[in-house]
Amino acid sequence: MQRRSFMRALALGAITAAALAPVAGALAQAKPLAIDVYKSPLCGCCEDWVKHLRGNGFHVTVHDVEDTGVYRQGFGMPDRFGSCHTGYIGGYAIEGHVPAADIRKLLAARPKAVGLTVPGMPAGSPGMEQGPRKDPFDVLLVKAGGAASVFASYNKG
C-alpha cells in the first residue's frame, strides 16, 4: 500500500512540474536583463540610450565616470570602435548606441566575441534620434584580436 501511495505522489509531482514548466520559463524570460553602463555625467545622448534600454526591459545600472575609455579597454573593446558610453552584460562589451534587440540577439546566440559596437554616434540610432533623420549604420560584432563583422544593419534602404 505504501508503495502505491509513493508512486501516486511521484506521478502527481511529475504532472505538476510539467504543468508549471511553461510558467517558470515565462517568468525566467520576463526577468529583466541587467546591464552596467559607464558614461559621462554630462552626456544627454547616453541618458537617452539608457532610456531606450529601460524601455526595452533592461535593468540598467548607470556609472557616471570621467573616462569611459578605461572601461572599454578593460572589457577588451578596441579604442577604434569607441563611442560615448560603454555597457557590460553577460560577459560582453556593448559600445555606443547599440539597439536593445541586438543585445538580446547577442545574448541568445552567445558567440565567442568581445561584444557589439556602433562606432561614432549615427543619427537615428537609439539615443541619437533627430526627428526624421535616420543615417545608415551598422552594428559590428567585435572578436578577440579586434576583427569585426557586421552583426546588423539599419537605415540602408
N, C-alpha and C. Protein backbone atom coordinates (compact mmCIF):
# COMPACT_ATOMS: atom_id res chain seq x y z
N MET A 1 0.82 -1.19 0.00
CA MET A 1 0.00 0.00 0.00
C MET A 1 0.86 1.26 0.00
N GLN A 2 1.94 1.23 0.80
CA GLN A 2 2.80 2.41 0.85
C GLN A 2 3.45 2.67 -0.49
N ARG A 3 3.84 1.61 -1.18
CA ARG A 3 4.49 1.77 -2.48
C ARG A 3 3.52 2.43 -3.46
N ARG A 4 2.26 2.03 -3.44
CA ARG A 4 1.26 2.61 -4.33
C ARG A 4 1.09 4.10 -4.03
N SER A 5 1.05 4.48 -2.78
CA SER A 5 0.92 5.89 -2.40
C SER A 5 2.14 6.68 -2.85
N PHE A 6 3.30 6.08 -2.68
CA PHE A 6 4.54 6.73 -3.10
C PHE A 6 4.53 6.96 -4.61
N MET A 7 4.13 5.94 -5.38
CA MET A 7 4.10 6.05 -6.84
C MET A 7 3.08 7.10 -7.28
N ARG A 8 1.94 7.15 -6.60
CA ARG A 8 0.92 8.14 -6.91
C ARG A 8 1.45 9.56 -6.66
N ALA A 9 2.13 9.74 -5.51
CA ALA A 9 2.70 11.05 -5.17
C ALA A 9 3.78 11.43 -6.18
N LEU A 10 4.59 10.48 -6.60
CA LEU A 10 5.64 10.73 -7.57
C LEU A 10 5.03 11.15 -8.91
N ALA A 11 3.98 10.46 -9.34
CA ALA A 11 3.31 10.78 -10.60
C ALA A 11 2.67 12.16 -10.53
N LEU A 12 2.01 12.46 -9.41
CA LEU A 12 1.41 13.78 -9.23
C LEU A 12 2.45 14.88 -9.27
N GLY A 13 3.60 14.63 -8.65
CA GLY A 13 4.69 15.61 -8.66
C GLY A 13 5.19 15.86 -10.07
N ALA A 14 5.32 14.79 -10.86
CA ALA A 14 5.79 14.93 -12.24
C ALA A 14 4.79 15.70 -13.08
N ILE A 15 3.50 15.42 -12.89
CA ILE A 15 2.45 16.12 -13.64
C ILE A 15 2.45 17.60 -13.26
N THR A 16 2.58 17.90 -11.98
CA THR A 16 2.60 19.30 -11.52
C THR A 16 3.81 20.02 -12.10
N ALA A 17 4.98 19.39 -12.06
CA ALA A 17 6.19 20.01 -12.59
C ALA A 17 6.04 20.29 -14.07
N ALA A 18 5.47 19.34 -14.82
CA ALA A 18 5.28 19.52 -16.26
C ALA A 18 4.30 20.67 -16.53
N ALA A 19 3.26 20.76 -15.72
CA ALA A 19 2.27 21.82 -15.90
C ALA A 19 2.84 23.20 -15.59
N LEU A 20 3.74 23.26 -14.61
CA LEU A 20 4.31 24.55 -14.21
C LEU A 20 5.52 24.96 -15.03
N ALA A 21 6.11 24.07 -15.80
CA ALA A 21 7.32 24.38 -16.58
C ALA A 21 7.14 25.58 -17.50
N PRO A 22 6.04 25.68 -18.27
CA PRO A 22 5.89 26.87 -19.12
C PRO A 22 5.80 28.17 -18.31
N VAL A 23 5.17 28.11 -17.16
CA VAL A 23 5.06 29.30 -16.30
C VAL A 23 6.44 29.71 -15.80
N ALA A 24 7.22 28.73 -15.36
CA ALA A 24 8.58 29.02 -14.88
C ALA A 24 9.42 29.59 -16.01
N GLY A 25 9.28 29.04 -17.22
CA GLY A 25 10.03 29.55 -18.37
C GLY A 25 9.65 30.98 -18.69
N ALA A 26 8.36 31.28 -18.63
CA ALA A 26 7.90 32.65 -18.91
C ALA A 26 8.42 33.61 -17.86
N LEU A 27 8.42 33.18 -16.60
CA LEU A 27 8.94 34.05 -15.54
C LEU A 27 10.43 34.30 -15.71
N ALA A 28 11.17 33.28 -16.12
CA ALA A 28 12.61 33.46 -16.34
C ALA A 28 12.86 34.42 -17.48
N GLN A 29 12.06 34.35 -18.55
CA GLN A 29 12.22 35.25 -19.67
C GLN A 29 11.79 36.66 -19.31
N ALA A 30 10.84 36.82 -18.42
CA ALA A 30 10.34 38.13 -18.05
C ALA A 30 11.33 38.87 -17.15
N LYS A 31 12.25 38.13 -16.53
CA LYS A 31 13.23 38.76 -15.66
C LYS A 31 14.07 39.73 -16.47
N PRO A 32 14.18 40.98 -16.04
CA PRO A 32 14.94 41.95 -16.82
C PRO A 32 16.42 41.59 -16.87
N LEU A 33 17.02 41.88 -18.01
CA LEU A 33 18.45 41.67 -18.18
C LEU A 33 19.19 42.83 -17.52
N ALA A 34 20.20 42.53 -16.73
CA ALA A 34 20.96 43.57 -16.03
C ALA A 34 22.18 43.96 -16.84
N ILE A 35 22.33 45.26 -17.07
CA ILE A 35 23.47 45.80 -17.80
C ILE A 35 24.06 46.97 -17.02
N ASP A 36 25.38 47.02 -16.96
CA ASP A 36 26.08 48.17 -16.38
C ASP A 36 26.46 49.10 -17.51
N VAL A 37 26.22 50.40 -17.34
CA VAL A 37 26.57 51.39 -18.35
C VAL A 37 27.50 52.42 -17.73
N TYR A 38 28.63 52.64 -18.40
CA TYR A 38 29.64 53.61 -17.97
C TYR A 38 29.58 54.77 -18.95
N LYS A 39 29.30 55.97 -18.41
CA LYS A 39 29.08 57.13 -19.28
C LYS A 39 29.54 58.40 -18.59
N SER A 40 29.66 59.44 -19.39
CA SER A 40 29.97 60.76 -18.85
C SER A 40 28.73 61.30 -18.13
N PRO A 41 28.91 61.99 -17.01
CA PRO A 41 27.74 62.53 -16.31
C PRO A 41 27.05 63.65 -17.09
N LEU A 42 27.69 64.18 -18.12
CA LEU A 42 27.15 65.32 -18.85
C LEU A 42 26.54 64.97 -20.20
N CYS A 43 26.51 63.70 -20.56
CA CYS A 43 26.10 63.30 -21.91
C CYS A 43 24.61 62.98 -21.97
N GLY A 44 23.87 63.79 -22.72
CA GLY A 44 22.43 63.60 -22.89
C GLY A 44 22.08 62.40 -23.75
N CYS A 45 22.86 62.15 -24.81
CA CYS A 45 22.53 61.01 -25.67
C CYS A 45 22.75 59.69 -24.95
N CYS A 46 23.70 59.67 -24.02
CA CYS A 46 23.91 58.46 -23.22
C CYS A 46 22.67 58.19 -22.37
N GLU A 47 22.13 59.23 -21.79
CA GLU A 47 20.90 59.09 -20.98
C GLU A 47 19.75 58.58 -21.84
N ASP A 48 19.69 59.07 -23.09
CA ASP A 48 18.62 58.63 -23.99
C ASP A 48 18.79 57.16 -24.36
N TRP A 49 20.04 56.68 -24.51
CA TRP A 49 20.28 55.26 -24.78
C TRP A 49 19.87 54.42 -23.58
N VAL A 50 20.17 54.91 -22.38
CA VAL A 50 19.76 54.21 -21.15
C VAL A 50 18.23 54.12 -21.11
N LYS A 51 17.53 55.19 -21.47
CA LYS A 51 16.05 55.16 -21.52
C LYS A 51 15.57 54.12 -22.54
N HIS A 52 16.27 54.04 -23.68
CA HIS A 52 15.93 53.04 -24.70
C HIS A 52 16.05 51.63 -24.12
N LEU A 53 17.14 51.37 -23.41
CA LEU A 53 17.33 50.04 -22.81
C LEU A 53 16.24 49.75 -21.78
N ARG A 54 15.99 50.70 -20.90
CA ARG A 54 14.96 50.50 -19.87
C ARG A 54 13.60 50.28 -20.50
N GLY A 55 13.31 51.02 -21.57
CA GLY A 55 12.04 50.87 -22.27
C GLY A 55 11.90 49.52 -22.96
N ASN A 56 13.03 48.82 -23.10
CA ASN A 56 13.03 47.50 -23.72
C ASN A 56 13.31 46.39 -22.72
N GLY A 57 13.03 46.67 -21.44
CA GLY A 57 13.07 45.63 -20.42
C GLY A 57 14.40 45.37 -19.75
N PHE A 58 15.40 46.21 -19.97
CA PHE A 58 16.69 46.02 -19.32
C PHE A 58 16.71 46.73 -17.97
N HIS A 59 17.38 46.12 -17.00
CA HIS A 59 17.64 46.77 -15.72
C HIS A 59 19.03 47.39 -15.86
N VAL A 60 19.10 48.73 -15.86
CA VAL A 60 20.35 49.43 -16.14
C VAL A 60 20.90 50.05 -14.86
N THR A 61 22.16 49.75 -14.58
CA THR A 61 22.89 50.41 -13.50
C THR A 61 23.86 51.37 -14.17
N VAL A 62 23.68 52.66 -13.92
CA VAL A 62 24.49 53.70 -14.56
C VAL A 62 25.65 54.08 -13.65
N HIS A 63 26.83 54.15 -14.26
CA HIS A 63 28.04 54.59 -13.56
C HIS A 63 28.54 55.84 -14.28
N ASP A 64 28.41 57.01 -13.66
CA ASP A 64 28.95 58.23 -14.24
C ASP A 64 30.45 58.26 -13.97
N VAL A 65 31.24 58.30 -15.04
CA VAL A 65 32.70 58.24 -14.94
C VAL A 65 33.31 59.35 -15.80
N GLU A 66 34.53 59.70 -15.48
CA GLU A 66 35.23 60.74 -16.25
C GLU A 66 35.78 60.20 -17.56
N ASP A 67 36.20 58.91 -17.59
CA ASP A 67 36.85 58.35 -18.76
C ASP A 67 36.28 56.97 -19.07
N THR A 68 35.42 56.90 -20.08
CA THR A 68 34.84 55.60 -20.44
C THR A 68 35.87 54.70 -21.12
N GLY A 69 36.93 55.28 -21.66
CA GLY A 69 37.96 54.50 -22.34
C GLY A 69 38.61 53.46 -21.44
N VAL A 70 38.73 53.78 -20.17
CA VAL A 70 39.31 52.84 -19.21
C VAL A 70 38.46 51.57 -19.14
N TYR A 71 37.15 51.74 -19.13
CA TYR A 71 36.23 50.60 -19.06
C TYR A 71 36.21 49.85 -20.39
N ARG A 72 36.16 50.60 -21.49
CA ARG A 72 36.18 49.99 -22.82
C ARG A 72 37.40 49.07 -22.94
N GLN A 73 38.56 49.60 -22.57
CA GLN A 73 39.79 48.83 -22.64
C GLN A 73 39.73 47.62 -21.71
N GLY A 74 39.23 47.81 -20.51
CA GLY A 74 39.13 46.71 -19.55
C GLY A 74 38.23 45.59 -20.02
N PHE A 75 37.23 45.91 -20.83
CA PHE A 75 36.31 44.90 -21.35
C PHE A 75 36.81 44.30 -22.67
N GLY A 76 37.96 44.79 -23.16
CA GLY A 76 38.56 44.23 -24.37
C GLY A 76 38.11 44.85 -25.67
N MET A 77 37.36 45.96 -25.62
CA MET A 77 36.89 46.61 -26.83
C MET A 77 37.97 47.57 -27.34
N PRO A 78 38.47 47.37 -28.56
CA PRO A 78 39.49 48.27 -29.09
C PRO A 78 38.99 49.72 -29.20
N ASP A 79 39.90 50.66 -28.95
CA ASP A 79 39.54 52.09 -28.97
C ASP A 79 38.95 52.53 -30.31
N ARG A 80 39.37 51.90 -31.40
CA ARG A 80 38.88 52.35 -32.71
C ARG A 80 37.37 52.12 -32.86
N PHE A 81 36.79 51.30 -32.01
CA PHE A 81 35.34 51.07 -32.03
C PHE A 81 34.62 51.90 -30.97
N GLY A 82 35.32 52.84 -30.37
CA GLY A 82 34.78 53.60 -29.25
C GLY A 82 33.64 54.53 -29.63
N SER A 83 32.88 54.84 -28.63
CA SER A 83 31.78 55.79 -28.74
C SER A 83 31.70 56.55 -27.42
N CYS A 84 30.53 57.04 -27.08
CA CYS A 84 30.42 57.91 -25.91
C CYS A 84 30.09 57.18 -24.62
N HIS A 85 29.73 55.90 -24.70
CA HIS A 85 29.44 55.13 -23.49
C HIS A 85 29.73 53.65 -23.74
N THR A 86 29.94 52.94 -22.65
CA THR A 86 30.26 51.52 -22.72
C THR A 86 29.35 50.76 -21.76
N GLY A 87 28.79 49.67 -22.25
CA GLY A 87 27.97 48.80 -21.41
C GLY A 87 28.66 47.47 -21.23
N TYR A 88 28.22 46.75 -20.21
CA TYR A 88 28.76 45.40 -19.98
C TYR A 88 27.62 44.51 -19.50
N ILE A 89 27.42 43.41 -20.23
CA ILE A 89 26.33 42.49 -19.90
C ILE A 89 26.71 41.08 -20.34
N GLY A 90 26.52 40.14 -19.46
CA GLY A 90 26.71 38.74 -19.80
C GLY A 90 28.09 38.40 -20.34
N GLY A 91 29.11 39.15 -19.92
CA GLY A 91 30.45 38.91 -20.41
C GLY A 91 30.79 39.61 -21.71
N TYR A 92 29.90 40.47 -22.19
CA TYR A 92 30.10 41.19 -23.45
C TYR A 92 30.17 42.71 -23.22
N ALA A 93 31.05 43.36 -23.98
CA ALA A 93 31.10 44.82 -24.02
C ALA A 93 30.08 45.29 -25.05
N ILE A 94 29.38 46.36 -24.71
CA ILE A 94 28.41 46.97 -25.63
C ILE A 94 28.83 48.43 -25.76
N GLU A 95 29.30 48.81 -26.94
CA GLU A 95 29.89 50.12 -27.14
C GLU A 95 29.01 50.98 -28.04
N GLY A 96 28.59 52.12 -27.52
CA GLY A 96 27.82 53.05 -28.33
C GLY A 96 26.33 52.73 -28.37
N HIS A 97 25.69 53.24 -29.40
CA HIS A 97 24.23 53.24 -29.49
C HIS A 97 23.68 51.97 -30.14
N VAL A 98 23.96 50.83 -29.51
CA VAL A 98 23.52 49.52 -29.99
C VAL A 98 22.04 49.33 -29.63
N PRO A 99 21.21 48.95 -30.61
CA PRO A 99 19.80 48.68 -30.30
C PRO A 99 19.63 47.53 -29.31
N ALA A 100 18.65 47.65 -28.43
CA ALA A 100 18.36 46.64 -27.42
C ALA A 100 18.11 45.27 -28.04
N ALA A 101 17.43 45.24 -29.18
CA ALA A 101 17.13 43.96 -29.84
C ALA A 101 18.41 43.23 -30.22
N ASP A 102 19.45 43.96 -30.61
CA ASP A 102 20.71 43.31 -30.99
C ASP A 102 21.44 42.78 -29.76
N ILE A 103 21.30 43.44 -28.63
CA ILE A 103 21.90 42.93 -27.39
C ILE A 103 21.23 41.62 -27.01
N ARG A 104 19.91 41.57 -27.12
CA ARG A 104 19.18 40.33 -26.83
C ARG A 104 19.60 39.21 -27.79
N LYS A 105 19.75 39.55 -29.06
CA LYS A 105 20.17 38.58 -30.07
C LYS A 105 21.57 38.05 -29.75
N LEU A 106 22.47 38.93 -29.34
CA LEU A 106 23.83 38.53 -28.95
C LEU A 106 23.79 37.56 -27.78
N LEU A 107 23.01 37.90 -26.76
CA LEU A 107 22.93 37.06 -25.57
C LEU A 107 22.29 35.71 -25.85
N ALA A 108 21.38 35.66 -26.81
CA ALA A 108 20.75 34.39 -27.18
C ALA A 108 21.72 33.51 -27.97
N ALA A 109 22.51 34.12 -28.85
CA ALA A 109 23.44 33.36 -29.70
C ALA A 109 24.73 32.99 -28.98
N ARG A 110 25.17 33.84 -28.03
CA ARG A 110 26.39 33.62 -27.25
C ARG A 110 27.63 33.32 -28.11
N PRO A 111 27.90 34.15 -29.15
CA PRO A 111 29.09 33.88 -29.96
C PRO A 111 30.36 34.18 -29.16
N LYS A 112 31.46 33.60 -29.61
CA LYS A 112 32.75 33.89 -28.99
C LYS A 112 33.18 35.25 -29.53
N ALA A 113 33.05 36.29 -28.69
CA ALA A 113 33.32 37.65 -29.14
C ALA A 113 33.54 38.57 -27.94
N VAL A 114 34.09 39.73 -28.23
CA VAL A 114 34.26 40.77 -27.21
C VAL A 114 32.91 41.43 -26.96
N GLY A 115 32.17 41.71 -28.04
CA GLY A 115 30.86 42.34 -27.89
C GLY A 115 30.41 43.03 -29.16
N LEU A 116 29.50 43.97 -28.97
CA LEU A 116 28.91 44.73 -30.08
C LEU A 116 29.30 46.20 -29.98
N THR A 117 29.35 46.84 -31.14
CA THR A 117 29.61 48.28 -31.17
C THR A 117 28.87 48.96 -32.30
N VAL A 118 28.49 50.19 -32.06
CA VAL A 118 28.06 51.12 -33.10
C VAL A 118 29.04 52.28 -32.97
N PRO A 119 30.13 52.24 -33.76
CA PRO A 119 31.12 53.31 -33.65
C PRO A 119 30.53 54.67 -34.01
N GLY A 120 31.05 55.70 -33.36
CA GLY A 120 30.54 57.04 -33.62
C GLY A 120 29.18 57.23 -32.98
N MET A 121 28.45 58.16 -33.51
CA MET A 121 27.15 58.49 -32.94
C MET A 121 26.16 58.77 -34.08
N PRO A 122 25.78 57.73 -34.84
CA PRO A 122 24.93 57.96 -36.01
C PRO A 122 23.52 58.42 -35.66
N ALA A 123 23.07 59.44 -36.36
CA ALA A 123 21.71 59.95 -36.17
C ALA A 123 20.72 58.85 -36.52
N GLY A 124 19.72 58.70 -35.66
CA GLY A 124 18.70 57.69 -35.87
C GLY A 124 18.94 56.41 -35.11
N SER A 125 20.14 56.25 -34.54
CA SER A 125 20.38 55.08 -33.69
C SER A 125 19.75 55.35 -32.33
N PRO A 126 19.49 54.31 -31.52
CA PRO A 126 18.85 54.52 -30.22
C PRO A 126 19.62 55.52 -29.35
N GLY A 127 18.92 56.55 -28.93
CA GLY A 127 19.55 57.60 -28.12
C GLY A 127 20.04 58.77 -28.97
N MET A 128 20.07 58.59 -30.27
CA MET A 128 20.53 59.63 -31.19
C MET A 128 19.42 60.04 -32.17
N GLU A 129 18.18 59.91 -31.73
CA GLU A 129 17.06 60.28 -32.59
C GLU A 129 17.10 61.79 -32.84
N GLN A 130 16.93 62.14 -34.12
CA GLN A 130 16.92 63.55 -34.51
C GLN A 130 15.79 63.79 -35.50
N GLY A 131 14.57 63.68 -35.01
CA GLY A 131 13.41 63.84 -35.89
C GLY A 131 13.40 62.77 -36.96
N PRO A 132 13.13 63.16 -38.20
CA PRO A 132 13.04 62.18 -39.28
C PRO A 132 14.40 61.68 -39.78
N ARG A 133 15.47 62.32 -39.39
CA ARG A 133 16.80 61.94 -39.89
C ARG A 133 17.23 60.57 -39.34
N LYS A 134 17.55 59.67 -40.27
CA LYS A 134 18.00 58.34 -39.90
C LYS A 134 19.16 57.96 -40.80
N ASP A 135 20.38 58.18 -40.31
CA ASP A 135 21.56 57.83 -41.08
C ASP A 135 21.75 56.31 -41.07
N PRO A 136 22.31 55.77 -42.15
CA PRO A 136 22.60 54.33 -42.15
C PRO A 136 23.72 54.03 -41.15
N PHE A 137 23.60 52.87 -40.49
CA PHE A 137 24.67 52.44 -39.59
C PHE A 137 24.66 50.93 -39.45
N ASP A 138 25.84 50.42 -39.07
CA ASP A 138 26.00 49.00 -38.82
C ASP A 138 26.28 48.77 -37.35
N VAL A 139 25.77 47.66 -36.84
CA VAL A 139 26.16 47.15 -35.53
C VAL A 139 27.23 46.10 -35.85
N LEU A 140 28.41 46.26 -35.24
CA LEU A 140 29.51 45.35 -35.51
C LEU A 140 29.71 44.37 -34.37
N LEU A 141 30.01 43.13 -34.72
CA LEU A 141 30.40 42.11 -33.75
C LEU A 141 31.92 42.13 -33.73
N VAL A 142 32.50 42.41 -32.56
CA VAL A 142 33.94 42.50 -32.43
C VAL A 142 34.46 41.24 -31.76
N LYS A 143 35.46 40.64 -32.40
CA LYS A 143 36.06 39.42 -31.87
C LYS A 143 37.37 39.75 -31.16
N ALA A 144 37.87 38.80 -30.39
CA ALA A 144 39.16 38.97 -29.75
C ALA A 144 40.20 39.22 -30.85
N GLY A 145 41.11 40.12 -30.60
CA GLY A 145 42.11 40.48 -31.60
C GLY A 145 41.68 41.67 -32.44
N GLY A 146 40.41 42.08 -32.33
CA GLY A 146 39.97 43.30 -32.99
C GLY A 146 39.28 43.14 -34.32
N ALA A 147 39.19 41.94 -34.86
CA ALA A 147 38.45 41.75 -36.11
C ALA A 147 36.97 42.00 -35.85
N ALA A 148 36.31 42.55 -36.87
CA ALA A 148 34.88 42.86 -36.71
C ALA A 148 34.12 42.46 -37.96
N SER A 149 32.85 42.11 -37.77
CA SER A 149 31.96 41.81 -38.88
C SER A 149 30.61 42.45 -38.59
N VAL A 150 29.84 42.64 -39.65
CA VAL A 150 28.52 43.27 -39.50
C VAL A 150 27.57 42.27 -38.83
N PHE A 151 26.97 42.70 -37.73
CA PHE A 151 26.02 41.91 -36.96
C PHE A 151 24.60 42.26 -37.40
N ALA A 152 24.37 43.55 -37.67
CA ALA A 152 23.06 44.03 -38.11
C ALA A 152 23.27 45.37 -38.83
N SER A 153 22.38 45.69 -39.76
CA SER A 153 22.44 46.96 -40.48
C SER A 153 21.11 47.67 -40.36
N TYR A 154 21.17 48.99 -40.32
CA TYR A 154 19.96 49.81 -40.18
C TYR A 154 19.97 50.97 -41.17
N ASN A 155 18.77 51.33 -41.60
CA ASN A 155 18.52 52.52 -42.42
C ASN A 155 19.32 52.49 -43.72
N LYS A 156 19.51 51.32 -44.28
CA LYS A 156 20.31 51.20 -45.50
C LYS A 156 19.46 51.32 -46.77
N GLY A 157 18.17 51.15 -46.64
CA GLY A 157 17.38 51.03 -47.86
C GLY A 157 16.50 52.15 -48.11
